[in-house]
Protein backbone atom coordinates (compact mmCIF):
# COMPACT_ATOMS: atom_id res chain seq x y z
CA UNK A 1 144.47 117.19 163.74
CA UNK A 2 147.17 119.70 163.02
CA UNK A 3 146.08 122.15 165.67
CA UNK A 4 144.52 122.27 169.10
CA UNK A 5 141.23 123.74 167.82
CA UNK A 6 140.71 120.79 165.49
CA UNK A 7 141.49 118.49 168.42
CA UNK A 8 138.86 120.21 170.59
CA UNK A 9 136.30 119.91 167.79
CA UNK A 10 137.07 116.19 167.50
CA UNK A 11 136.50 115.71 171.24
CA UNK A 12 133.21 117.64 171.02
CA UNK A 13 132.05 115.49 168.10
CA UNK A 14 132.65 112.35 170.16
CA UNK A 15 131.07 113.95 173.25
CA UNK A 16 127.90 114.78 171.27
CA UNK A 17 127.55 111.14 170.20
CA UNK A 18 128.28 109.78 173.69
CA UNK A 19 126.04 112.07 175.74
CA UNK A 20 125.07 109.36 178.26
CA UNK A 21 128.41 107.58 178.56
CA UNK A 22 131.82 108.18 180.05
CA UNK A 23 134.65 107.91 177.55
CA UNK A 24 138.37 108.23 176.94
CA UNK A 25 139.94 109.27 173.64
CA UNK A 26 143.46 108.83 172.36
CA UNK A 27 144.13 110.27 168.92
CA UNK A 28 147.45 110.32 167.11
CA UNK A 29 148.46 111.55 163.71
CA UNK A 30 151.82 111.40 162.03
CA UNK A 31 153.51 112.25 158.77
CA UNK A 32 157.00 111.22 157.78
CA UNK A 33 158.91 111.91 154.59
CA UNK A 34 162.17 110.23 153.63
CA UNK A 35 164.87 110.86 151.03
CA UNK A 36 167.34 108.00 150.48
CA UNK A 37 170.63 108.16 148.64
CA UNK A 38 173.31 105.63 147.71
CA UNK A 39 176.49 105.70 145.65
CA UNK A 40 176.20 109.50 145.75
CA UNK A 41 172.79 109.52 144.01
CA UNK A 42 169.35 110.24 145.39
CA UNK A 43 167.23 107.25 144.51
CA UNK A 44 164.07 107.47 146.60
CA UNK A 45 161.58 109.95 148.05
CA UNK A 46 158.71 108.43 150.04
CA UNK A 47 156.06 109.76 152.38
CA UNK A 48 153.69 108.18 154.88
CA UNK A 49 150.71 109.59 156.76
CA UNK A 50 148.97 107.80 159.61
CA UNK A 51 145.93 108.62 161.73
CA UNK A 52 144.57 106.64 164.66
CA UNK A 53 141.59 107.35 166.91
CA UNK A 54 140.78 105.09 169.86
CA UNK A 55 137.58 105.64 171.82
CA UNK A 56 136.98 103.72 175.04
CA UNK A 57 133.40 103.77 176.32
CA UNK A 58 132.52 103.07 179.95
CA UNK A 59 128.96 101.89 180.57
CA UNK A 60 128.29 100.94 184.23
CA UNK A 61 131.75 99.35 184.65
CA UNK A 62 131.52 97.65 181.30
CA UNK A 63 134.03 98.75 178.69
CA UNK A 64 133.92 98.78 174.91
CA UNK A 65 136.66 100.19 172.75
CA UNK A 66 136.99 100.96 169.11
CA UNK A 67 139.94 102.00 166.98
CA UNK A 68 139.70 103.71 163.61
CA UNK A 69 141.93 105.41 161.06
CA UNK A 70 139.33 107.79 159.65
CA UNK A 71 137.63 110.59 161.56
CA UNK A 72 134.73 111.61 159.36
CA UNK A 73 131.38 111.87 161.17
CA UNK A 74 129.92 108.70 159.67
CA UNK A 75 132.93 106.55 160.58
CA UNK A 76 133.07 107.88 164.13
CA UNK A 77 129.31 107.40 164.70
CA UNK A 78 129.24 103.90 163.22
CA UNK A 79 132.22 102.71 165.25
CA UNK A 80 131.00 104.26 168.50
CA UNK A 81 127.62 102.55 168.04
CA UNK A 82 129.46 99.21 167.75
CA UNK A 83 131.47 99.93 170.89
CA UNK A 84 128.29 100.80 172.80
CA UNK A 85 126.81 97.45 171.76
CA UNK A 86 129.95 95.73 173.06
CA UNK A 87 129.51 97.42 176.45
CA UNK A 88 126.03 95.90 176.72
CA UNK A 89 127.30 92.31 176.43
CA UNK A 90 130.69 92.64 178.10
CA UNK A 91 130.90 91.34 181.68
CA UNK A 92 131.12 94.01 184.37
CA UNK A 93 134.56 94.77 185.74
CA UNK A 94 135.16 93.57 189.28
CA UNK A 95 136.21 97.10 190.21
CA UNK A 96 134.94 100.62 189.54
CA UNK A 97 136.69 102.14 186.53
CA UNK A 98 137.58 105.73 187.42
CA UNK A 99 138.44 108.38 184.89
CA UNK A 100 141.09 110.98 185.56
CA UNK A 101 139.88 114.47 186.35
CA UNK A 102 141.36 117.59 184.74
CA UNK A 103 144.93 118.38 185.71
CA UNK A 104 147.59 120.89 184.76
CA UNK A 105 149.92 119.75 182.02
CA UNK A 106 153.14 121.54 181.25
CA UNK A 107 154.14 120.51 177.77
CA UNK A 108 157.40 121.80 176.35
CA UNK A 109 157.10 122.58 172.67
CA UNK A 110 158.88 120.13 170.41
CA UNK A 111 157.39 121.56 167.25
CA UNK A 112 159.21 123.39 164.46
CA UNK A 113 157.15 124.88 161.66
CA UNK A 114 160.26 124.83 159.44
CA UNK A 115 160.70 121.08 159.97
CA UNK A 116 156.98 120.43 159.43
CA UNK A 117 157.07 122.33 156.13
CA UNK A 118 160.33 120.81 154.86
CA UNK A 119 159.75 119.49 151.33
CA UNK A 120 161.32 116.70 149.25
CA UNK A 121 163.11 119.45 147.31
CA UNK A 122 164.53 120.92 150.55
CA UNK A 123 165.83 117.49 151.59
CA UNK A 124 167.24 116.84 148.12
CA UNK A 125 169.11 120.16 148.15
CA UNK A 126 170.81 119.35 151.48
CA UNK A 127 171.66 115.83 150.36
CA UNK A 128 173.06 117.29 147.13
CA UNK A 129 175.36 119.58 149.19
CA UNK A 130 176.67 116.60 151.15
CA UNK A 131 177.20 114.54 148.00
CA UNK A 132 179.05 117.42 146.31
CA UNK A 133 181.43 117.84 149.28
CA UNK A 134 182.04 114.11 149.55
CA UNK A 135 182.58 113.59 145.81
CA UNK A 136 185.11 116.47 145.64
CA UNK A 137 187.25 114.50 148.09
CA UNK A 138 186.94 111.23 146.18
CA UNK A 139 184.38 109.57 148.49
CA UNK A 140 180.86 108.23 147.98
CA UNK A 141 177.84 108.95 150.16
CA UNK A 142 174.86 106.85 151.15
CA UNK A 143 172.16 107.43 153.73
CA UNK A 144 168.74 108.76 154.52
CA UNK A 145 167.19 112.08 155.49
CA UNK A 146 163.81 111.91 157.23
CA UNK A 147 161.51 114.60 158.60
CA UNK A 148 158.54 113.78 160.82
CA UNK A 149 155.56 115.61 162.28
CA UNK A 150 153.36 114.05 164.97
CA UNK A 151 150.31 114.97 167.04
CA UNK A 152 148.91 113.32 170.17
CA UNK A 153 145.59 114.07 171.85
CA UNK A 154 144.27 112.54 175.09
CA UNK A 155 140.83 113.46 176.45
CA UNK A 156 137.94 112.10 178.47
CA UNK A 157 134.37 112.87 179.50
CA UNK A 158 135.54 114.31 182.84
CA UNK A 159 137.17 117.24 181.03
CA UNK A 160 140.74 115.98 180.66
CA UNK A 161 142.29 117.42 177.51
CA UNK A 162 145.95 117.23 176.55
CA UNK A 163 147.33 118.06 173.12
CA UNK A 164 150.92 117.89 171.92
CA UNK A 165 152.67 118.32 168.58
CA UNK A 166 156.22 117.54 167.69
CA UNK A 167 158.65 117.38 164.82
CA UNK A 168 161.79 115.36 164.32
CA UNK A 169 164.69 115.20 161.89
CA UNK A 170 166.93 112.21 161.29
CA UNK A 171 169.84 112.53 158.87
CA UNK A 172 172.34 109.71 158.65
CA UNK A 173 175.07 109.03 156.17
CA UNK A 174 177.79 106.54 155.43
CA UNK A 175 180.84 107.87 153.60
CA UNK A 176 183.06 105.34 151.82
CA UNK A 177 186.21 105.14 149.74
CA UNK A 178 188.12 101.98 148.90
CA UNK A 179 188.23 100.06 152.18
CA UNK A 180 187.38 102.98 154.49
CA UNK A 181 183.96 103.76 155.95
CA UNK A 182 182.63 106.49 158.22
CA UNK A 183 179.14 106.86 159.66
CA UNK A 184 177.36 109.86 161.13
CA UNK A 185 173.86 110.39 162.35
């Protein structure tokens, strides 16, 4: 779900399965990569990727929802079928569930291609620079350097579609010598 076109295709795939039902979709995807260092040595590089798709189906004021972490056609179809079955046995709401209609969304870009493409080697090189500076002064460094990329999509059968991407950097360090400590983030 790295781009808006993929997001639109995902919504259309769900729409094609749910032709006779109203629905809401919330999809999120994230990737984070972390480099940890202690005693002036890099000791860990880890990465995590997460994907979540929630589809809420509205069937005559009965609601069924399904959540999945895979978005291949078979998984989406199978899970939506289960949610439709749930709507058939769920009691009716005591109110009419109304979907939002399309609106204007002004989303300020929080996305940096450079941050999204930052590699473990890039992080290690910056950590190495910090460690070199600190060690030259007789200190030790510890900390973590994390880069993140995230995507959020919200859509419904009334035509609402919102898509946002963002990136984030978190670099924190603790510098020590003897009985002195300094922290920065």
